[in-house]
Amino acid sequence: MTTLLPPLTVVLGGARSGKSRYAERLVEDAGGGLYLATAEAGDAEMAERIAVHQARRGDAWRTLEEPLELARILSAHASADAPILVDCLTLWLSNLMMAERDAEADVMALCETMASLDGPVVVVSNEVGLGIVPANDLARRYRDLAGWANQRLAETAQRVVFVAAGLPLVMKDENP
């Protein structure tokens, strides 16, 4: 039986919380779809993380890698026939900051795009503000940007789920 997804689901959680695996199951239960990956393998450890994600997904997923242009790619590939999984928003924000782009403008453009897509999207994002205040300016700006972006997407989303220890907690669920 195929599960229907709302237009936008946001899956939040900490590092290694199980949020990606949970989001993957949502899309698989809806019949499968496109995996839009934002990570770039800048070092061996990140390359290993990407490889683990790819191995877990297997061949059933069609994957696009896009570190910066999420709104454009979502607009081009959204379809009522297949949901899109974006993994993950916080890596995308990091990419935007490193590219010295106007990340707030890109987030607002992404939210506007989400409202007009033809098919469901599941966005994975880290909730990075639950720990200590970072000791340096760049890390604090990143934490603040991620928190702000998560709030903007959560406002737009019909469903928001927080995952901790692999367990989902539905925080918002507006049935369309």
N, C-alpha and C. Protein backbone atom coordinates (compact mmCIF):
# COMPACT_ATOMS: atom_id res chain seq x y z
N MET A 1 0.83 -1.18 0.00
CA MET A 1 0.00 0.00 0.00
C MET A 1 0.88 1.25 0.00
N THR A 2 0.61 2.19 -0.88
CA THR A 2 1.39 3.41 -1.00
C THR A 2 0.84 4.47 -0.04
N THR A 3 1.75 5.11 0.67
CA THR A 3 1.39 6.16 1.61
C THR A 3 1.44 7.50 0.90
N LEU A 4 0.44 8.34 1.11
CA LEU A 4 0.44 9.68 0.53
C LEU A 4 1.23 10.62 1.43
N LEU A 5 2.04 11.46 0.81
CA LEU A 5 2.81 12.45 1.53
C LEU A 5 2.19 13.83 1.33
N PRO A 6 2.29 14.70 2.34
CA PRO A 6 1.86 16.08 2.14
C PRO A 6 2.83 16.78 1.20
N PRO A 7 2.49 17.98 0.73
CA PRO A 7 3.40 18.69 -0.18
C PRO A 7 4.81 18.88 0.39
N LEU A 8 4.93 19.21 1.67
CA LEU A 8 6.25 19.39 2.27
C LEU A 8 6.29 18.77 3.66
N THR A 9 7.25 17.87 3.84
CA THR A 9 7.55 17.28 5.14
C THR A 9 8.98 17.67 5.50
N VAL A 10 9.18 18.17 6.71
CA VAL A 10 10.51 18.49 7.21
C VAL A 10 10.84 17.49 8.31
N VAL A 11 11.99 16.84 8.19
CA VAL A 11 12.46 15.87 9.19
C VAL A 11 13.71 16.45 9.84
N LEU A 12 13.59 16.77 11.12
CA LEU A 12 14.67 17.37 11.90
C LEU A 12 15.26 16.36 12.87
N GLY A 13 16.49 16.60 13.27
CA GLY A 13 17.12 15.77 14.28
C GLY A 13 18.58 16.12 14.40
N GLY A 14 19.22 15.55 15.39
CA GLY A 14 20.65 15.76 15.58
C GLY A 14 21.46 14.82 14.71
N ALA A 15 22.77 14.96 14.80
CA ALA A 15 23.67 14.07 14.06
C ALA A 15 23.45 12.63 14.50
N ARG A 16 23.37 11.76 13.54
CA ARG A 16 23.21 10.31 13.78
C ARG A 16 21.94 9.98 14.56
N SER A 17 20.90 10.78 14.38
CA SER A 17 19.64 10.56 15.10
C SER A 17 18.73 9.57 14.40
N GLY A 18 19.01 9.26 13.13
CA GLY A 18 18.14 8.39 12.35
C GLY A 18 17.21 9.16 11.42
N LYS A 19 17.43 10.47 11.30
CA LYS A 19 16.52 11.30 10.51
C LYS A 19 16.56 10.96 9.02
N SER A 20 17.73 10.70 8.46
CA SER A 20 17.82 10.35 7.03
C SER A 20 17.14 9.01 6.76
N ARG A 21 17.40 8.05 7.60
CA ARG A 21 16.78 6.74 7.42
C ARG A 21 15.25 6.85 7.51
N TYR A 22 14.76 7.64 8.47
CA TYR A 22 13.32 7.85 8.62
C TYR A 22 12.76 8.50 7.35
N ALA A 23 13.41 9.55 6.87
CA ALA A 23 12.95 10.25 5.67
C ALA A 23 12.96 9.33 4.45
N GLU A 24 13.98 8.50 4.34
CA GLU A 24 14.05 7.54 3.23
C GLU A 24 12.86 6.59 3.26
N ARG A 25 12.51 6.12 4.45
CA ARG A 25 11.36 5.21 4.58
C ARG A 25 10.06 5.90 4.17
N LEU A 26 9.91 7.19 4.53
CA LEU A 26 8.72 7.93 4.13
C LEU A 26 8.56 7.91 2.60
N VAL A 27 9.65 8.21 1.91
CA VAL A 27 9.60 8.27 0.45
C VAL A 27 9.43 6.88 -0.14
N GLU A 28 10.10 5.90 0.41
CA GLU A 28 9.94 4.52 -0.06
C GLU A 28 8.51 4.05 0.11
N ASP A 29 7.89 4.37 1.26
CA ASP A 29 6.50 3.98 1.50
C ASP A 29 5.52 4.69 0.57
N ALA A 30 5.96 5.81 -0.01
CA ALA A 30 5.14 6.54 -0.97
C ALA A 30 5.40 6.08 -2.40
N GLY A 31 6.21 5.02 -2.54
CA GLY A 31 6.47 4.47 -3.87
C GLY A 31 7.84 4.78 -4.43
N GLY A 32 8.70 5.45 -3.65
CA GLY A 32 10.04 5.77 -4.12
C GLY A 32 10.09 7.10 -4.84
N GLY A 33 11.29 7.56 -5.09
CA GLY A 33 11.42 8.85 -5.75
C GLY A 33 12.85 9.24 -6.00
N LEU A 34 13.07 10.53 -6.07
CA LEU A 34 14.37 11.12 -6.37
C LEU A 34 15.07 11.51 -5.07
N TYR A 35 16.34 11.16 -4.97
CA TYR A 35 17.17 11.53 -3.83
C TYR A 35 18.03 12.71 -4.27
N LEU A 36 17.78 13.89 -3.70
CA LEU A 36 18.54 15.09 -4.03
C LEU A 36 19.56 15.30 -2.91
N ALA A 37 20.81 14.97 -3.21
CA ALA A 37 21.87 15.01 -2.21
C ALA A 37 22.63 16.33 -2.30
N THR A 38 22.87 16.96 -1.15
CA THR A 38 23.57 18.24 -1.12
C THR A 38 25.01 18.13 -0.67
N ALA A 39 25.42 16.95 -0.18
CA ALA A 39 26.76 16.79 0.39
C ALA A 39 27.82 16.75 -0.71
N GLU A 40 28.98 17.27 -0.37
CA GLU A 40 30.16 17.16 -1.20
C GLU A 40 31.24 16.47 -0.38
N ALA A 41 31.95 15.57 -1.01
CA ALA A 41 32.99 14.81 -0.31
C ALA A 41 34.28 15.63 -0.28
N GLY A 42 34.38 16.51 0.70
CA GLY A 42 35.56 17.36 0.82
C GLY A 42 36.74 16.68 1.50
N ASP A 43 36.49 15.55 2.16
CA ASP A 43 37.55 14.81 2.82
C ASP A 43 37.15 13.34 2.89
N ALA A 44 38.05 12.51 3.37
CA ALA A 44 37.82 11.06 3.39
C ALA A 44 36.66 10.68 4.30
N GLU A 45 36.53 11.35 5.43
CA GLU A 45 35.46 11.03 6.36
C GLU A 45 34.09 11.33 5.74
N MET A 46 33.98 12.46 5.05
CA MET A 46 32.71 12.79 4.40
C MET A 46 32.44 11.85 3.24
N ALA A 47 33.46 11.46 2.52
CA ALA A 47 33.29 10.50 1.44
C ALA A 47 32.74 9.18 1.98
N GLU A 48 33.20 8.77 3.15
CA GLU A 48 32.71 7.54 3.78
C GLU A 48 31.25 7.69 4.19
N ARG A 49 30.89 8.83 4.75
CA ARG A 49 29.48 9.06 5.13
C ARG A 49 28.58 8.98 3.91
N ILE A 50 29.01 9.59 2.81
CA ILE A 50 28.22 9.55 1.58
C ILE A 50 28.09 8.12 1.08
N ALA A 51 29.18 7.36 1.13
CA ALA A 51 29.15 5.97 0.68
C ALA A 51 28.20 5.12 1.52
N VAL A 52 28.15 5.36 2.82
CA VAL A 52 27.23 4.62 3.70
C VAL A 52 25.78 4.94 3.32
N HIS A 53 25.48 6.20 3.08
CA HIS A 53 24.13 6.59 2.67
C HIS A 53 23.77 5.94 1.33
N GLN A 54 24.69 5.97 0.39
CA GLN A 54 24.42 5.39 -0.93
C GLN A 54 24.19 3.89 -0.83
N ALA A 55 25.00 3.21 -0.04
CA ALA A 55 24.86 1.75 0.11
C ALA A 55 23.52 1.40 0.76
N ARG A 56 23.11 2.18 1.74
CA ARG A 56 21.84 1.93 2.42
C ARG A 56 20.66 2.10 1.45
N ARG A 57 20.74 3.07 0.58
CA ARG A 57 19.66 3.32 -0.38
C ARG A 57 19.60 2.26 -1.46
N GLY A 58 20.72 1.77 -1.88
CA GLY A 58 20.74 0.78 -2.95
C GLY A 58 20.39 1.39 -4.30
N ASP A 59 20.02 0.53 -5.24
CA ASP A 59 19.77 0.96 -6.61
C ASP A 59 18.33 1.43 -6.85
N ALA A 60 17.49 1.33 -5.85
CA ALA A 60 16.08 1.69 -6.03
C ALA A 60 15.87 3.19 -6.18
N TRP A 61 16.85 3.98 -5.80
CA TRP A 61 16.73 5.43 -5.82
C TRP A 61 17.42 6.01 -7.05
N ARG A 62 16.82 7.05 -7.61
CA ARG A 62 17.50 7.87 -8.60
C ARG A 62 18.10 9.02 -7.81
N THR A 63 19.38 9.30 -7.99
CA THR A 63 20.07 10.30 -7.18
C THR A 63 20.60 11.43 -8.06
N LEU A 64 20.39 12.66 -7.59
CA LEU A 64 21.01 13.85 -8.16
C LEU A 64 21.81 14.51 -7.06
N GLU A 65 23.00 14.94 -7.39
CA GLU A 65 23.82 15.66 -6.43
C GLU A 65 23.82 17.13 -6.81
N GLU A 66 23.41 17.98 -5.88
CA GLU A 66 23.35 19.42 -6.13
C GLU A 66 23.67 20.17 -4.85
N PRO A 67 24.86 20.75 -4.77
CA PRO A 67 25.26 21.43 -3.53
C PRO A 67 24.70 22.83 -3.34
N LEU A 68 24.19 23.49 -4.39
CA LEU A 68 23.79 24.89 -4.26
C LEU A 68 22.39 25.23 -4.78
N GLU A 69 22.01 24.73 -5.92
CA GLU A 69 20.81 25.20 -6.63
C GLU A 69 19.56 24.36 -6.32
N LEU A 70 19.19 24.26 -5.06
CA LEU A 70 18.05 23.42 -4.67
C LEU A 70 16.74 23.87 -5.30
N ALA A 71 16.44 25.16 -5.24
CA ALA A 71 15.15 25.64 -5.76
C ALA A 71 15.03 25.33 -7.25
N ARG A 72 16.08 25.56 -8.00
CA ARG A 72 16.05 25.31 -9.44
C ARG A 72 15.87 23.83 -9.74
N ILE A 73 16.60 22.98 -9.05
CA ILE A 73 16.51 21.53 -9.28
C ILE A 73 15.15 21.00 -8.86
N LEU A 74 14.63 21.46 -7.73
CA LEU A 74 13.30 21.02 -7.30
C LEU A 74 12.24 21.42 -8.32
N SER A 75 12.32 22.64 -8.83
CA SER A 75 11.36 23.09 -9.84
C SER A 75 11.43 22.23 -11.09
N ALA A 76 12.62 21.86 -11.48
CA ALA A 76 12.81 21.08 -12.70
C ALA A 76 12.36 19.63 -12.57
N HIS A 77 12.41 19.08 -11.35
CA HIS A 77 12.17 17.65 -11.18
C HIS A 77 10.92 17.28 -10.39
N ALA A 78 10.23 18.25 -9.83
CA ALA A 78 9.04 17.94 -9.03
C ALA A 78 7.98 17.29 -9.90
N SER A 79 7.38 16.24 -9.33
CA SER A 79 6.36 15.49 -10.06
C SER A 79 5.40 14.86 -9.08
N ALA A 80 4.14 14.86 -9.42
CA ALA A 80 3.14 14.22 -8.58
C ALA A 80 3.36 12.71 -8.53
N ASP A 81 4.09 12.18 -9.49
CA ASP A 81 4.33 10.74 -9.59
C ASP A 81 5.40 10.22 -8.64
N ALA A 82 6.33 11.09 -8.20
CA ALA A 82 7.44 10.62 -7.37
C ALA A 82 7.91 11.73 -6.44
N PRO A 83 7.91 11.46 -5.14
CA PRO A 83 8.41 12.45 -4.19
C PRO A 83 9.91 12.68 -4.35
N ILE A 84 10.36 13.80 -3.81
CA ILE A 84 11.78 14.13 -3.79
C ILE A 84 12.23 14.20 -2.34
N LEU A 85 13.36 13.58 -2.06
CA LEU A 85 13.98 13.66 -0.73
C LEU A 85 15.21 14.55 -0.85
N VAL A 86 15.25 15.62 -0.06
CA VAL A 86 16.42 16.50 0.00
C VAL A 86 17.18 16.17 1.27
N ASP A 87 18.42 15.75 1.11
CA ASP A 87 19.26 15.39 2.25
C ASP A 87 20.65 16.00 2.03
N CYS A 88 20.99 17.06 2.72
CA CYS A 88 20.21 17.68 3.76
C CYS A 88 20.33 19.20 3.68
N LEU A 89 19.37 19.86 4.29
CA LEU A 89 19.31 21.31 4.26
C LEU A 89 20.53 21.96 4.91
N THR A 90 20.98 21.43 6.03
CA THR A 90 22.09 22.07 6.74
C THR A 90 23.41 21.94 5.99
N LEU A 91 23.61 20.85 5.26
CA LEU A 91 24.80 20.78 4.40
C LEU A 91 24.68 21.80 3.28
N TRP A 92 23.48 21.95 2.73
CA TRP A 92 23.26 22.96 1.71
C TRP A 92 23.58 24.36 2.24
N LEU A 93 23.14 24.67 3.47
CA LEU A 93 23.45 25.96 4.06
C LEU A 93 24.95 26.17 4.21
N SER A 94 25.65 25.14 4.63
CA SER A 94 27.10 25.21 4.74
C SER A 94 27.73 25.48 3.37
N ASN A 95 27.23 24.80 2.34
CA ASN A 95 27.73 25.03 0.98
C ASN A 95 27.50 26.48 0.56
N LEU A 96 26.31 27.02 0.87
CA LEU A 96 26.00 28.41 0.52
C LEU A 96 26.95 29.37 1.23
N MET A 97 27.19 29.12 2.52
CA MET A 97 28.09 29.99 3.27
C MET A 97 29.51 29.93 2.71
N MET A 98 29.98 28.74 2.37
CA MET A 98 31.33 28.59 1.84
C MET A 98 31.45 29.24 0.45
N ALA A 99 30.36 29.27 -0.29
CA ALA A 99 30.35 29.91 -1.61
C ALA A 99 30.09 31.41 -1.51
N GLU A 100 29.94 31.90 -0.26
CA GLU A 100 29.71 33.31 0.02
C GLU A 100 28.45 33.84 -0.69
N ARG A 101 27.41 33.00 -0.69
CA ARG A 101 26.13 33.40 -1.26
C ARG A 101 25.26 34.02 -0.18
N ASP A 102 24.20 34.66 -0.60
CA ASP A 102 23.23 35.23 0.34
C ASP A 102 22.30 34.09 0.76
N ALA A 103 22.69 33.39 1.81
CA ALA A 103 21.98 32.19 2.23
C ALA A 103 20.54 32.49 2.63
N GLU A 104 20.30 33.61 3.27
CA GLU A 104 18.93 33.95 3.66
C GLU A 104 18.04 34.12 2.43
N ALA A 105 18.56 34.77 1.40
CA ALA A 105 17.79 34.94 0.17
C ALA A 105 17.53 33.59 -0.49
N ASP A 106 18.54 32.71 -0.47
CA ASP A 106 18.36 31.37 -1.05
C ASP A 106 17.33 30.56 -0.27
N VAL A 107 17.31 30.69 1.05
CA VAL A 107 16.31 29.98 1.86
C VAL A 107 14.91 30.50 1.54
N MET A 108 14.77 31.81 1.43
CA MET A 108 13.45 32.38 1.12
C MET A 108 13.00 31.93 -0.28
N ALA A 109 13.93 31.89 -1.23
CA ALA A 109 13.58 31.42 -2.57
C ALA A 109 13.18 29.94 -2.53
N LEU A 110 13.85 29.16 -1.71
CA LEU A 110 13.50 27.75 -1.57
C LEU A 110 12.09 27.61 -1.00
N CYS A 111 11.76 28.38 0.02
CA CYS A 111 10.43 28.31 0.62
C CYS A 111 9.36 28.70 -0.39
N GLU A 112 9.61 29.73 -1.18
CA GLU A 112 8.66 30.15 -2.22
C GLU A 112 8.49 29.05 -3.26
N THR A 113 9.59 28.42 -3.64
CA THR A 113 9.54 27.33 -4.62
C THR A 113 8.72 26.17 -4.09
N MET A 114 8.93 25.83 -2.81
CA MET A 114 8.21 24.70 -2.21
C MET A 114 6.70 24.86 -2.33
N ALA A 115 6.23 26.10 -2.22
CA ALA A 115 4.79 26.35 -2.26
C ALA A 115 4.19 26.12 -3.64
N SER A 116 5.03 26.04 -4.67
CA SER A 116 4.49 25.92 -6.03
C SER A 116 4.86 24.61 -6.73
N LEU A 117 5.43 23.67 -6.02
CA LEU A 117 5.87 22.42 -6.66
C LEU A 117 4.70 21.49 -6.96
N ASP A 118 4.87 20.66 -7.97
CA ASP A 118 3.83 19.73 -8.41
C ASP A 118 3.80 18.43 -7.62
N GLY A 119 4.79 18.16 -6.81
CA GLY A 119 4.82 16.90 -6.09
C GLY A 119 5.40 17.07 -4.70
N PRO A 120 5.29 16.02 -3.87
CA PRO A 120 5.74 16.10 -2.48
C PRO A 120 7.26 16.10 -2.35
N VAL A 121 7.71 16.81 -1.31
CA VAL A 121 9.13 16.90 -0.99
C VAL A 121 9.30 16.59 0.49
N VAL A 122 10.33 15.82 0.81
CA VAL A 122 10.73 15.55 2.18
C VAL A 122 12.13 16.15 2.36
N VAL A 123 12.28 17.07 3.30
CA VAL A 123 13.55 17.74 3.54
C VAL A 123 14.11 17.29 4.88
N VAL A 124 15.36 16.84 4.88
CA VAL A 124 16.07 16.46 6.10
C VAL A 124 16.94 17.63 6.52
N SER A 125 16.95 17.92 7.83
CA SER A 125 17.78 19.01 8.33
C SER A 125 18.23 18.71 9.75
N ASN A 126 19.44 19.14 10.06
CA ASN A 126 19.95 19.00 11.42
C ASN A 126 19.41 20.10 12.30
N GLU A 127 19.05 19.75 13.50
CA GLU A 127 18.69 20.74 14.51
C GLU A 127 19.97 20.98 15.30
N VAL A 128 20.69 22.05 14.96
CA VAL A 128 22.03 22.25 15.50
C VAL A 128 22.06 23.13 16.75
N GLY A 129 20.95 23.71 17.13
CA GLY A 129 20.94 24.65 18.25
C GLY A 129 20.66 24.05 19.60
N LEU A 130 20.75 22.74 19.74
CA LEU A 130 20.43 22.11 21.01
C LEU A 130 21.62 21.96 21.95
N GLY A 131 22.81 22.29 21.46
CA GLY A 131 24.01 22.10 22.27
C GLY A 131 24.56 23.41 22.80
N ILE A 132 25.84 23.42 23.05
CA ILE A 132 26.50 24.60 23.59
C ILE A 132 26.61 25.70 22.53
N VAL A 133 26.79 26.92 22.96
CA VAL A 133 27.00 28.03 22.04
C VAL A 133 28.42 27.89 21.47
N PRO A 134 28.55 27.87 20.14
CA PRO A 134 29.88 27.71 19.55
C PRO A 134 30.83 28.84 19.96
N ALA A 135 32.11 28.52 19.98
CA ALA A 135 33.12 29.46 20.46
C ALA A 135 33.57 30.45 19.39
N ASN A 136 33.25 30.22 18.11
CA ASN A 136 33.73 31.16 17.10
C ASN A 136 32.57 31.73 16.28
N ASP A 137 32.84 32.86 15.64
CA ASP A 137 31.83 33.61 14.92
C ASP A 137 31.22 32.81 13.77
N LEU A 138 32.03 32.14 12.97
CA LEU A 138 31.51 31.38 11.82
C LEU A 138 30.54 30.29 12.28
N ALA A 139 30.91 29.56 13.32
CA ALA A 139 30.05 28.49 13.82
C ALA A 139 28.75 29.06 14.40
N ARG A 140 28.83 30.20 15.08
CA ARG A 140 27.61 30.83 15.60
C ARG A 140 26.71 31.31 14.48
N ARG A 141 27.29 31.90 13.43
CA ARG A 141 26.49 32.34 12.28
C ARG A 141 25.82 31.15 11.60
N TYR A 142 26.55 30.05 11.48
CA TYR A 142 26.00 28.84 10.88
C TYR A 142 24.84 28.30 11.73
N ARG A 143 25.05 28.20 13.03
CA ARG A 143 23.99 27.72 13.93
C ARG A 143 22.75 28.59 13.84
N ASP A 144 22.96 29.90 13.83
CA ASP A 144 21.83 30.82 13.75
C ASP A 144 21.11 30.70 12.41
N LEU A 145 21.86 30.60 11.32
CA LEU A 145 21.27 30.45 10.00
C LEU A 145 20.47 29.15 9.92
N ALA A 146 21.03 28.06 10.43
CA ALA A 146 20.33 26.78 10.39
C ALA A 146 19.03 26.84 11.20
N GLY A 147 19.07 27.44 12.36
CA GLY A 147 17.85 27.57 13.17
C GLY A 147 16.80 28.41 12.47
N TRP A 148 17.22 29.51 11.88
CA TRP A 148 16.30 30.38 11.15
C TRP A 148 15.72 29.65 9.95
N ALA A 149 16.57 28.95 9.19
CA ALA A 149 16.10 28.23 8.00
C ALA A 149 15.13 27.12 8.39
N ASN A 150 15.42 26.39 9.45
CA ASN A 150 14.50 25.35 9.91
C ASN A 150 13.15 25.94 10.29
N GLN A 151 13.15 27.10 10.92
CA GLN A 151 11.89 27.75 11.27
C GLN A 151 11.10 28.15 10.03
N ARG A 152 11.80 28.72 9.02
CA ARG A 152 11.11 29.12 7.79
C ARG A 152 10.49 27.91 7.09
N LEU A 153 11.24 26.82 6.99
CA LEU A 153 10.71 25.63 6.33
C LEU A 153 9.58 25.01 7.14
N ALA A 154 9.73 24.99 8.46
CA ALA A 154 8.67 24.42 9.31
C ALA A 154 7.38 25.21 9.18
N GLU A 155 7.48 26.53 9.01
CA GLU A 155 6.28 27.35 8.79
C GLU A 155 5.59 26.96 7.49
N THR A 156 6.37 26.66 6.48
CA THR A 156 5.86 26.32 5.15
C THR A 156 5.32 24.90 5.09
N ALA A 157 5.91 24.01 5.88
CA ALA A 157 5.61 22.58 5.81
C ALA A 157 4.24 22.24 6.37
N GLN A 158 3.66 21.18 5.82
CA GLN A 158 2.42 20.63 6.36
C GLN A 158 2.72 19.62 7.47
N ARG A 159 3.91 19.01 7.42
CA ARG A 159 4.29 18.04 8.45
C ARG A 159 5.74 18.30 8.85
N VAL A 160 5.98 18.30 10.17
CA VAL A 160 7.33 18.43 10.72
C VAL A 160 7.51 17.30 11.72
N VAL A 161 8.60 16.56 11.57
CA VAL A 161 8.90 15.43 12.44
C VAL A 161 10.29 15.61 13.03
N PHE A 162 10.41 15.43 14.33
CA PHE A 162 11.71 15.45 15.00
C PHE A 162 12.10 14.01 15.30
N VAL A 163 13.32 13.63 14.94
CA VAL A 163 13.79 12.27 15.16
C VAL A 163 14.93 12.30 16.17
N ALA A 164 14.81 11.49 17.21
CA ALA A 164 15.86 11.31 18.21
C ALA A 164 15.97 9.82 18.50
N ALA A 165 17.18 9.29 18.53
CA ALA A 165 17.41 7.87 18.80
C ALA A 165 16.60 6.98 17.85
N GLY A 166 16.41 7.46 16.61
CA GLY A 166 15.66 6.69 15.62
C GLY A 166 14.16 6.73 15.78
N LEU A 167 13.68 7.48 16.76
CA LEU A 167 12.25 7.52 17.04
C LEU A 167 11.66 8.85 16.56
N PRO A 168 10.61 8.80 15.74
CA PRO A 168 10.01 10.03 15.24
C PRO A 168 8.98 10.62 16.22
N LEU A 169 9.00 11.91 16.34
CA LEU A 169 8.02 12.66 17.11
C LEU A 169 7.39 13.68 16.16
N VAL A 170 6.12 13.51 15.84
CA VAL A 170 5.45 14.44 14.94
C VAL A 170 5.17 15.73 15.70
N MET A 171 5.73 16.83 15.19
CA MET A 171 5.59 18.13 15.83
C MET A 171 4.49 18.96 15.19
N LYS A 172 4.22 18.70 13.92
CA LYS A 172 3.20 19.44 13.17
C LYS A 172 2.62 18.48 12.13
N ASP A 173 1.31 18.46 12.02
CA ASP A 173 0.69 17.62 11.00
C ASP A 173 -0.62 18.27 10.57
N GLU A 174 -0.56 18.95 9.44
CA GLU A 174 -1.74 19.59 8.87
C GLU A 174 -2.19 18.75 7.68
N ASN A 175 -3.25 18.00 7.86
CA ASN A 175 -3.75 17.18 6.76
C ASN A 175 -4.35 18.06 5.69
N PRO A 176 -3.86 17.89 4.43
CA PRO A 176 -4.37 18.75 3.35
C PRO A 176 -5.82 18.44 3.01
